[in-house]
Amino acid sequence: MSKKNTEFKIGEIVVYPKHGVGEIIQIQNMEIENIKTKFYVVKMEQSKLTIRVPVDKKIEVGLRKISSKKIIDEVFTTLKLKPKIRRIMWSRRAQEYEAKIFSGEPVKIAEVVRDLFRKNSQSEQSYSERQMFQVAIERLAREVAAVEKTDYFQSTEKIEQILTKK
């Protein structure tokens, strides 16, 4: 992922790693304690959240444009691979999965989705595994939807179809 000095425009779809896909709805100048700062106002559709990212901190927080079609193709390839089941304690795996989800990188999120996915015929997951799977698939589906210009439900369905075909 390049860290070019990219300026974002109003109406542009972006990814904020900690919260997922959002839209820049405004570029706002604010003065806080006599310091004038310019902010991107990003509306996060899924969580009904509006965040302000200082323009000069966008690289630091990882704000980026949505992925290219090529990266989404990599995501689909990753989902088709055999899950990597690691025999370590859940708390350790959960930390690794969380780091991948909050990295904001679609291929890493796809790895989490793939590794936590369970077919109906497979053993039941714990509550925390299901929760983490839900967060990961939602993040991934929203970015896939943004790139493919479909809706969240269609992209979720597409991801689940790829996972069940393995």
Protein backbone atom coordinates (compact mmCIF):
# COMPACT_ATOMS: atom_id res chain seq x y z
CA MET A 1 0.00 0.00 0.00
CA SER A 2 1.53 3.28 -1.05
CA LYS A 3 1.78 6.15 1.39
CA LYS A 4 1.60 8.83 -1.28
CA ASN A 5 0.51 12.27 -0.21
CA THR A 6 -3.01 11.74 -1.50
CA GLU A 7 -5.62 14.41 -1.11
CA PHE A 8 -9.16 13.17 -0.78
CA LYS A 9 -12.20 14.86 -2.29
CA ILE A 10 -15.73 15.27 -0.98
CA GLY A 11 -17.81 12.27 -2.03
CA GLU A 12 -14.81 9.95 -2.19
CA ILE A 13 -15.12 6.50 -0.61
CA VAL A 14 -12.24 5.78 1.77
CA VAL A 15 -11.18 3.17 4.32
CA TYR A 16 -10.37 4.08 7.90
CA PRO A 17 -8.68 0.94 9.30
CA LYS A 18 -10.25 1.11 12.76
CA HIS A 19 -13.80 1.59 11.46
CA GLY A 20 -14.02 0.36 7.87
CA VAL A 21 -15.46 1.98 4.76
CA GLY A 22 -16.74 5.55 4.83
CA GLU A 23 -17.40 8.55 2.64
CA ILE A 24 -15.76 11.95 2.86
CA ILE A 25 -18.73 14.27 3.28
CA GLN A 26 -16.87 17.47 4.09
CA ILE A 27 -13.46 19.06 4.41
CA GLN A 28 -13.67 21.32 7.42
CA ASN A 29 -11.42 23.98 8.92
CA MET A 30 -11.59 24.09 12.70
CA GLU A 31 -9.74 25.99 15.36
CA ILE A 32 -8.96 24.07 18.52
CA GLU A 33 -7.12 25.95 21.27
CA ASN A 34 -5.91 28.60 18.81
CA ILE A 35 -4.56 25.99 16.40
CA LYS A 36 -6.16 26.00 12.97
CA THR A 37 -6.50 22.54 11.49
CA LYS A 38 -8.13 21.12 8.39
CA PHE A 39 -10.15 17.90 8.81
CA TYR A 40 -11.70 15.29 6.58
CA VAL A 41 -15.19 14.57 7.87
CA VAL A 42 -15.83 10.89 7.18
CA LYS A 43 -19.28 9.35 7.53
CA MET A 44 -19.07 5.67 8.41
CA GLU A 45 -22.27 4.24 6.98
CA GLN A 46 -22.28 0.92 8.86
CA SER A 47 -21.83 2.30 12.37
CA LYS A 48 -23.73 5.59 11.92
CA LEU A 49 -20.53 7.29 13.01
CA THR A 50 -18.98 10.51 11.76
CA ILE A 51 -15.28 10.95 12.37
CA ARG A 52 -12.92 13.83 11.77
CA VAL A 53 -9.43 13.03 10.59
CA PRO A 54 -6.88 15.83 10.59
CA VAL A 55 -5.59 16.17 7.02
CA ASP A 56 -1.98 16.11 8.25
CA LYS A 57 -2.61 12.85 10.19
CA LYS A 58 -4.28 10.86 7.40
CA ILE A 59 -1.21 8.68 6.75
CA GLU A 60 -0.65 8.12 10.47
CA VAL A 61 -4.20 6.81 10.98
CA GLY A 62 -4.08 4.84 7.73
CA LEU A 63 -6.87 6.64 5.87
CA ARG A 64 -6.75 5.34 2.30
CA LYS A 65 -8.68 5.08 -0.94
CA ILE A 66 -10.72 1.91 -1.43
CA SER A 67 -8.85 -1.01 -2.94
CA SER A 68 -8.34 -1.66 -6.60
CA LYS A 69 -10.16 -4.42 -8.46
CA LYS A 70 -6.82 -6.29 -8.53
CA ILE A 71 -6.66 -6.35 -4.70
CA ILE A 72 -10.27 -7.56 -4.51
CA ASP A 73 -9.32 -10.38 -6.91
CA GLU A 74 -6.49 -11.25 -4.46
CA VAL A 75 -9.09 -11.27 -1.68
CA PHE A 76 -11.21 -13.81 -3.59
CA THR A 77 -8.12 -15.95 -4.24
CA THR A 78 -7.27 -15.82 -0.50
CA LEU A 79 -10.82 -16.89 0.42
CA LYS A 80 -10.51 -19.95 -1.85
CA LEU A 81 -7.37 -21.19 -0.09
CA LYS A 82 -7.46 -23.82 2.61
CA PRO A 83 -7.98 -22.30 6.09
CA LYS A 84 -4.88 -22.07 8.26
CA ILE A 85 -5.88 -23.61 11.54
CA ARG A 86 -3.28 -22.79 14.16
CA ARG A 87 -3.19 -24.91 17.29
CA ILE A 88 -2.47 -22.10 19.71
CA MET A 89 -4.64 -20.68 22.45
CA TRP A 90 -7.68 -18.74 21.30
CA SER A 91 -6.58 -15.56 23.13
CA ARG A 92 -3.36 -15.49 21.08
CA ARG A 93 -5.16 -16.23 17.81
CA ALA A 94 -7.78 -13.59 18.65
CA GLN A 95 -5.02 -10.97 19.05
CA GLU A 96 -3.57 -11.92 15.67
CA TYR A 97 -6.99 -11.84 14.01
CA GLU A 98 -7.80 -8.48 15.57
CA ALA A 99 -4.50 -7.02 14.35
CA LYS A 100 -5.32 -8.22 10.82
CA ILE A 101 -8.87 -6.81 10.93
CA PHE A 102 -7.72 -3.41 12.22
CA SER A 103 -4.85 -3.25 9.73
CA GLY A 104 -7.52 -2.27 7.21
CA GLU A 105 -5.83 -4.43 4.56
CA PRO A 106 -8.47 -6.43 2.65
CA VAL A 107 -6.25 -9.48 2.00
CA LYS A 108 -5.41 -9.80 5.72
CA ILE A 109 -9.10 -9.42 6.63
CA ALA A 110 -9.91 -12.11 4.03
CA GLU A 111 -7.47 -14.45 5.83
CA VAL A 112 -9.43 -13.96 9.07
CA VAL A 113 -12.76 -14.55 7.30
CA ARG A 114 -11.39 -17.70 5.64
CA ASP A 115 -9.86 -19.07 8.84
CA LEU A 116 -12.92 -18.42 11.02
CA PHE A 117 -15.56 -19.54 8.51
CA ARG A 118 -17.48 -22.69 9.50
CA LYS A 119 -19.70 -24.75 7.22
CA ASN A 120 -22.88 -26.02 8.83
CA SER A 121 -21.38 -29.53 8.93
CA GLN A 122 -18.38 -28.34 10.97
CA SER A 123 -18.04 -28.01 14.72
CA GLU A 124 -19.68 -25.05 16.46
CA GLN A 125 -17.67 -21.87 17.08
CA SER A 126 -17.36 -20.08 20.37
CA TYR A 127 -19.23 -16.82 20.85
CA SER A 128 -16.05 -14.75 20.51
CA GLU A 129 -15.06 -16.57 17.29
CA ARG A 130 -18.49 -15.83 15.79
CA GLN A 131 -18.26 -12.19 16.87
CA MET A 132 -14.82 -11.77 15.32
CA PHE A 133 -15.97 -13.51 12.12
CA GLN A 134 -18.91 -11.08 11.90
CA VAL A 135 -16.68 -8.02 12.28
CA ALA A 136 -14.23 -9.35 9.66
CA ILE A 137 -16.83 -10.33 7.07
CA GLU A 138 -18.67 -7.03 7.49
CA ARG A 139 -15.47 -5.02 6.91
CA LEU A 140 -14.54 -7.12 3.92
CA ALA A 141 -18.02 -7.12 2.39
CA ARG A 142 -18.33 -3.34 2.67
CA GLU A 143 -15.06 -2.79 0.83
CA VAL A 144 -15.91 -5.39 -1.82
CA ALA A 145 -19.30 -3.68 -2.27
CA ALA A 146 -17.63 -0.27 -2.66
CA VAL A 147 -15.14 -1.56 -5.23
CA GLU A 148 -17.65 -3.63 -7.20
CA LYS A 149 -20.38 -0.98 -6.87
CA THR A 150 -22.90 -3.43 -5.43
CA ASP A 151 -24.51 -3.44 -2.04
CA TYR A 152 -23.32 -4.92 1.23
CA PHE A 153 -25.72 -7.88 1.10
CA GLN A 154 -24.70 -8.90 -2.43
CA SER A 155 -21.02 -8.78 -1.54
CA THR A 156 -21.59 -10.75 1.69
CA GLU A 157 -23.43 -13.39 -0.32
CA LYS A 158 -20.61 -13.53 -2.88
CA ILE A 159 -18.00 -14.02 -0.11
CA GLU A 160 -20.08 -16.75 1.56
CA GLN A 161 -20.56 -18.55 -1.76
CA ILE A 162 -16.78 -18.62 -2.32
CA LEU A 163 -16.28 -19.96 1.22
CA THR A 164 -18.88 -22.72 0.94
CA LYS A 165 -17.46 -23.99 -2.39
CA LYS A 166 -14.15 -24.99 -0.80
